[in-house]
Amino acid sequence: MTKLSMTVNGKAVSGEVEGRTLLVQFLRETLHLTGTHVGCDTSQCGACTVHVNGKSVKSCTVFAADVAGAEVTTIEGMANADGSLSVIQQAFQDCHGLQCGFCTPGMVMASAALLADNPHPTEAEVRHGLEGNICRCTGYHNIVKAVLTASGQTVAAE
C-alpha cells in the first residue's frame, strides 16, 4: 500500500492505495466522489474526465499514486462557492446539452479545459476539443451549443 495526499476540489485529502489503483477508483471508492463516471475503462469515452493541475485527464488512465501532491478537480468541484451551477453547468442545462446524464460530468470537465485554453472557440474548435468524449444520446449539437453559450457567444436559435 502507498500513502498519498493531494488536493481534491480545494480540500486536502489523503489515503492509502495499492499501486494499481486508478485515480477514478480513488475518487469514487475512497473519496466517494461518484460524479466522475467509469464508462469504458479504456480511455475511449471520456466519462471519467477530471482536471489534474488544471489539465484535462481521463482518470481511468492514470494511477492515483502518480498524482500525489497534485490539485485535482472533479465535477463536484465545478459549482460556484455558493453551490449554484457554474457558467458551463448552467449552459448545459439551459441549452439541453444533456440527456441521460452519464457523459455530462466528463463533457463539462472537458469543456472547462477547452474554454480555459480557448475562451472563444469556433464551433469546429469545440467539436475538435470534445472529440475524446462520447455521448450516446444527444447527437452533440446541444453540447456544442452549450459550450459556445458558456463562452459568451450568441448562438442562433433553431
C-alpha atoms as a PDB file:
ATOM      1  CA  MET A   1       0.000   0.000   0.000  1.00  0.00           C
ATOM      2  CA  THR A   2       1.108   3.537  -0.775  1.00  0.00           C
ATOM      3  CA  LYS A   3       0.100   6.578   1.242  1.00  0.00           C
ATOM      4  CA  LEU A   4      -0.774   9.601  -0.818  1.00  0.00           C
ATOM      5  CA  SER A   5      -2.049  13.114  -0.327  1.00  0.00           C
ATOM      6  CA  MET A   6      -3.482  15.541  -2.828  1.00  0.00           C
ATOM      7  CA  THR A   7      -5.900  18.417  -3.035  1.00  0.00           C
ATOM      8  CA  VAL A   8      -9.298  17.497  -4.446  1.00  0.00           C
ATOM      9  CA  ASN A   9     -11.816  20.241  -5.126  1.00  0.00           C
ATOM     10  CA  GLY A  10      -9.835  22.606  -2.921  1.00  0.00           C
ATOM     11  CA  LYS A  11      -9.623  20.260   0.073  1.00  0.00           C
ATOM     12  CA  ALA A  12      -6.587  18.340   1.283  1.00  0.00           C
ATOM     13  CA  VAL A  13      -7.227  14.598   1.165  1.00  0.00           C
ATOM     14  CA  SER A  14      -5.142  11.549   1.825  1.00  0.00           C
ATOM     15  CA  GLY A  15      -5.473   7.815   1.682  1.00  0.00           C
ATOM     16  CA  GLU A  16      -3.757   4.518   1.103  1.00  0.00           C
ATOM     17  CA  VAL A  17      -3.863   2.856  -2.275  1.00  0.00           C
ATOM     18  CA  GLU A  18      -2.443  -0.170  -3.985  1.00  0.00           C
ATOM     19  CA  GLY A  19      -0.028   0.719  -6.749  1.00  0.00           C
ATOM     20  CA  ARG A  20      -2.560  -0.367  -9.369  1.00  0.00           C
ATOM     21  CA  THR A  21      -5.380   1.864  -8.058  1.00  0.00           C
ATOM     22  CA  LEU A  22      -6.582   4.202 -10.766  1.00  0.00           C
ATOM     23  CA  LEU A  23      -7.398   7.820  -9.999  1.00  0.00           C
ATOM     24  CA  VAL A  24     -11.041   7.222 -10.914  1.00  0.00           C
ATOM     25  CA  GLN A  25     -11.199   4.401  -8.362  1.00  0.00           C
ATOM     26  CA  PHE A  26      -9.600   6.545  -5.665  1.00  0.00           C
ATOM     27  CA  LEU A  27     -12.071   9.373  -6.333  1.00  0.00           C
ATOM     28  CA  ARG A  28     -15.141   7.144  -6.407  1.00  0.00           C
ATOM     29  CA  GLU A  29     -14.321   4.426  -3.887  1.00  0.00           C
ATOM     30  CA  THR A  30     -12.100   6.177  -1.344  1.00  0.00           C
ATOM     31  CA  LEU A  31     -13.356   9.760  -1.515  1.00  0.00           C
ATOM     32  CA  HIS A  32     -16.953   8.853  -2.506  1.00  0.00           C
ATOM     33  CA  LEU A  33     -16.952  11.454  -5.296  1.00  0.00           C
ATOM     34  CA  THR A  34     -19.155   9.480  -7.643  1.00  0.00           C
ATOM     35  CA  GLY A  35     -19.793  12.241 -10.160  1.00  0.00           C
ATOM     36  CA  THR A  36     -16.749  11.043 -12.080  1.00  0.00           C
ATOM     37  CA  HIS A  37     -18.114   8.123 -14.076  1.00  0.00           C
ATOM     38  CA  VAL A  38     -16.490   4.911 -15.248  1.00  0.00           C
ATOM     39  CA  GLY A  39     -17.675   4.278 -18.760  1.00  0.00           C
ATOM     40  CA  CYS A  40     -15.293   2.179 -20.770  1.00  0.00           C
ATOM     41  CA  ASP A  41     -12.127   1.538 -18.711  1.00  0.00           C
ATOM     42  CA  THR A  42     -10.130   2.047 -21.919  1.00  0.00           C
ATOM     43  CA  SER A  43      -9.834   5.842 -22.237  1.00  0.00           C
ATOM     44  CA  GLN A  44     -12.294   5.911 -25.129  1.00  0.00           C
ATOM     45  CA  CYS A  45     -15.418   7.583 -23.702  1.00  0.00           C
ATOM     46  CA  GLY A  46     -14.222  10.471 -21.514  1.00  0.00           C
ATOM     47  CA  ALA A  47     -16.872   9.965 -18.805  1.00  0.00           C
ATOM     48  CA  CYS A  48     -14.070   9.910 -16.215  1.00  0.00           C
ATOM     49  CA  THR A  49     -12.533  13.255 -17.221  1.00  0.00           C
ATOM     50  CA  VAL A  50     -11.171  15.363 -14.353  1.00  0.00           C
ATOM     51  CA  HIS A  51      -8.588  18.138 -14.125  1.00  0.00           C
ATOM     52  CA  VAL A  52      -5.158  17.442 -12.694  1.00  0.00           C
ATOM     53  CA  ASN A  53      -3.190  20.626 -12.085  1.00  0.00           C
ATOM     54  CA  GLY A  54      -5.566  22.382 -14.471  1.00  0.00           C
ATOM     55  CA  LYS A  55      -5.215  19.912 -17.335  1.00  0.00           C
ATOM     56  CA  SER A  56      -7.955  17.626 -18.595  1.00  0.00           C
ATOM     57  CA  VAL A  57      -7.153  13.989 -17.790  1.00  0.00           C
ATOM     58  CA  LYS A  58      -9.076  10.766 -18.252  1.00  0.00           C
ATOM     59  CA  SER A  59      -8.865   9.435 -14.717  1.00  0.00           C
ATOM     60  CA  CYS A  60      -9.170   5.811 -15.843  1.00  0.00           C
ATOM     61  CA  THR A  61      -5.716   6.128 -17.440  1.00  0.00           C
ATOM     62  CA  VAL A  62      -3.660   7.397 -14.529  1.00  0.00           C
ATOM     63  CA  PHE A  63      -2.675   5.765 -11.269  1.00  0.00           C
ATOM     64  CA  ALA A  64      -3.754   7.596  -8.135  1.00  0.00           C
ATOM     65  CA  ALA A  65      -0.219   7.411  -6.752  1.00  0.00           C
ATOM     66  CA  ASP A  66       1.072   9.241  -9.847  1.00  0.00           C
ATOM     67  CA  VAL A  67      -0.929  12.345  -8.945  1.00  0.00           C
ATOM     68  CA  ALA A  68       0.167  12.503  -5.320  1.00  0.00           C
ATOM     69  CA  GLY A  69       0.609  16.140  -4.380  1.00  0.00           C
ATOM     70  CA  ALA A  70      -1.461  17.348  -7.330  1.00  0.00           C
ATOM     71  CA  GLU A  71      -4.554  19.529  -7.422  1.00  0.00           C
ATOM     72  CA  VAL A  72      -7.495  17.560  -8.767  1.00  0.00           C
ATOM     73  CA  THR A  73     -10.867  18.996  -9.711  1.00  0.00           C
ATOM     74  CA  THR A  74     -13.872  16.771 -10.291  1.00  0.00           C
ATOM     75  CA  ILE A  75     -17.376  17.642 -11.405  1.00  0.00           C
ATOM     76  CA  GLU A  76     -18.274  18.105  -7.730  1.00  0.00           C
ATOM     77  CA  GLY A  77     -15.780  20.961  -7.609  1.00  0.00           C
ATOM     78  CA  MET A  78     -17.182  22.819 -10.609  1.00  0.00           C
ATOM     79  CA  ALA A  79     -20.079  24.554  -8.850  1.00  0.00           C
ATOM     80  CA  ASN A  80     -19.728  28.119  -7.621  1.00  0.00           C
ATOM     81  CA  ALA A  81     -18.761  28.704  -3.985  1.00  0.00           C
ATOM     82  CA  ASP A  82     -22.416  29.356  -3.093  1.00  0.00           C
ATOM     83  CA  GLY A  83     -23.441  25.991  -4.564  1.00  0.00           C
ATOM     84  CA  SER A  84     -25.009  27.423  -7.704  1.00  0.00           C
ATOM     85  CA  LEU A  85     -24.122  25.964 -11.075  1.00  0.00           C
ATOM     86  CA  SER A  86     -21.020  27.228 -12.841  1.00  0.00           C
ATOM     87  CA  VAL A  87     -21.439  29.075 -16.122  1.00  0.00           C
ATOM     88  CA  ILE A  88     -20.650  25.876 -18.025  1.00  0.00           C
ATOM     89  CA  GLN A  89     -23.039  23.728 -15.979  1.00  0.00           C
ATOM     90  CA  GLN A  90     -25.776  26.323 -16.377  1.00  0.00           C
ATOM     91  CA  ALA A  91     -25.207  26.463 -20.136  1.00  0.00           C
ATOM     92  CA  PHE A  92     -25.523  22.675 -20.349  1.00  0.00           C
ATOM     93  CA  GLN A  93     -28.833  22.927 -18.512  1.00  0.00           C
ATOM     94  CA  ASP A  94     -30.126  25.911 -20.488  1.00  0.00           C
ATOM     95  CA  CYS A  95     -29.119  24.508 -23.873  1.00  0.00           C
ATOM     96  CA  HIS A  96     -30.306  20.957 -23.117  1.00  0.00           C
ATOM     97  CA  GLY A  97     -26.757  19.683 -23.524  1.00  0.00           C
ATOM     98  CA  LEU A  98     -27.534  16.530 -21.599  1.00  0.00           C
ATOM     99  CA  GLN A  99     -29.958  13.701 -21.855  1.00  0.00           C
ATOM    100  CA  CYS A 100     -29.277  10.593 -19.806  1.00  0.00           C
ATOM    101  CA  GLY A 101     -26.503  12.489 -17.992  1.00  0.00           C
ATOM    102  CA  PHE A 102     -23.912   9.728 -17.989  1.00  0.00           C
ATOM    103  CA  CYS A 103     -21.402  11.609 -20.151  1.00  0.00           C
ATOM    104  CA  THR A 104     -22.259  15.018 -18.710  1.00  0.00           C
ATOM    105  CA  PRO A 105     -19.608  15.201 -15.948  1.00  0.00           C
ATOM    106  CA  GLY A 106     -16.852  14.334 -18.404  1.00  0.00           C
ATOM    107  CA  MET A 107     -18.250  16.690 -21.028  1.00  0.00           C
ATOM    108  CA  VAL A 108     -18.427  19.562 -18.532  1.00  0.00           C
ATOM    109  CA  MET A 109     -14.855  18.923 -17.381  1.00  0.00           C
ATOM    110  CA  ALA A 110     -13.550  18.662 -20.961  1.00  0.00           C
ATOM    111  CA  SER A 111     -15.482  21.824 -21.874  1.00  0.00           C
ATOM    112  CA  ALA A 112     -13.984  23.712 -18.943  1.00  0.00           C
ATOM    113  CA  ALA A 113     -10.469  22.737 -20.027  1.00  0.00           C
ATOM    114  CA  LEU A 114     -11.240  23.700 -23.613  1.00  0.00           C
ATOM    115  CA  LEU A 115     -12.569  27.115 -22.573  1.00  0.00           C
ATOM    116  CA  ALA A 116      -9.593  27.694 -20.272  1.00  0.00           C
ATOM    117  CA  ASP A 117      -7.279  27.178 -23.249  1.00  0.00           C
ATOM    118  CA  ASN A 118      -9.521  28.874 -25.829  1.00  0.00           C
ATOM    119  CA  PRO A 119     -12.095  31.230 -24.263  1.00  0.00           C
ATOM    120  CA  HIS A 120     -13.913  31.931 -27.559  1.00  0.00           C
ATOM    121  CA  PRO A 121     -13.731  28.788 -29.702  1.00  0.00           C
ATOM    122  CA  THR A 122     -15.465  28.331 -33.018  1.00  0.00           C
ATOM    123  CA  GLU A 123     -17.978  25.532 -33.436  1.00  0.00           C
ATOM    124  CA  ALA A 124     -15.334  23.480 -35.242  1.00  0.00           C
ATOM    125  CA  GLU A 125     -12.870  24.041 -32.387  1.00  0.00           C
ATOM    126  CA  VAL A 126     -15.478  22.919 -29.839  1.00  0.00           C
ATOM    127  CA  ARG A 127     -16.217  19.773 -31.814  1.00  0.00           C
ATOM    128  CA  HIS A 128     -12.496  19.031 -32.142  1.00  0.00           C
ATOM    129  CA  GLY A 129     -11.863  19.800 -28.460  1.00  0.00           C
ATOM    130  CA  LEU A 130     -14.557  17.394 -27.299  1.00  0.00           C
ATOM    131  CA  GLU A 131     -13.884  14.578 -29.735  1.00  0.00           C
ATOM    132  CA  GLY A 132     -12.370  12.413 -26.972  1.00  0.00           C
ATOM    133  CA  ASN A 133     -15.695  12.380 -25.108  1.00  0.00           C
ATOM    134  CA  ILE A 134     -18.553  10.193 -26.280  1.00  0.00           C
ATOM    135  CA  CYS A 135     -22.250  10.929 -25.867  1.00  0.00           C
ATOM    136  CA  ARG A 136     -24.634   8.232 -26.982  1.00  0.00           C
ATOM    137  CA  CYS A 137     -27.809  10.302 -26.574  1.00  0.00           C
ATOM    138  CA  THR A 138     -27.636  13.903 -27.731  1.00  0.00           C
ATOM    139  CA  GLY A 139     -26.056  13.977 -31.157  1.00  0.00           C
ATOM    140  CA  TYR A 140     -23.659  16.626 -29.743  1.00  0.00           C
ATOM    141  CA  HIS A 141     -25.455  19.639 -31.247  1.00  0.00           C
ATOM    142  CA  ASN A 142     -26.747  20.940 -27.914  1.00  0.00           C
ATOM    143  CA  ILE A 143     -23.471  20.137 -26.178  1.00  0.00           C
ATOM    144  CA  VAL A 144     -21.622  22.294 -28.707  1.00  0.00           C
ATOM    145  CA  LYS A 145     -24.281  24.981 -28.297  1.00  0.00           C
ATOM    146  CA  ALA A 146     -23.788  24.851 -24.510  1.00  0.00           C
ATOM    147  CA  VAL A 147     -20.021  25.302 -24.792  1.00  0.00           C
ATOM    148  CA  LEU A 148     -20.427  28.225 -27.187  1.00  0.00           C
ATOM    149  CA  THR A 149     -23.022  29.764 -24.854  1.00  0.00           C
ATOM    150  CA  ALA A 150     -20.719  29.298 -21.840  1.00  0.00           C
ATOM    151  CA  SER A 151     -18.021  31.133 -23.796  1.00  0.00           C
ATOM    152  CA  GLY A 152     -20.325  34.139 -24.032  1.00  0.00           C
ATOM    153  CA  GLN A 153     -21.038  33.723 -27.714  1.00  0.00           C
ATOM    154  CA  THR A 154     -24.528  34.254 -29.067  1.00  0.00           C
ATOM    155  CA  VAL A 155     -25.852  31.034 -30.538  1.00  0.00           C
ATOM    156  CA  ALA A 156     -28.638  31.232 -33.102  1.00  0.00           C
ATOM    157  CA  ALA A 157     -31.880  29.553 -32.068  1.00  0.00           C
ATOM    158  CA  GLU A 158     -33.223  26.785 -34.226  1.00  0.00           C
END
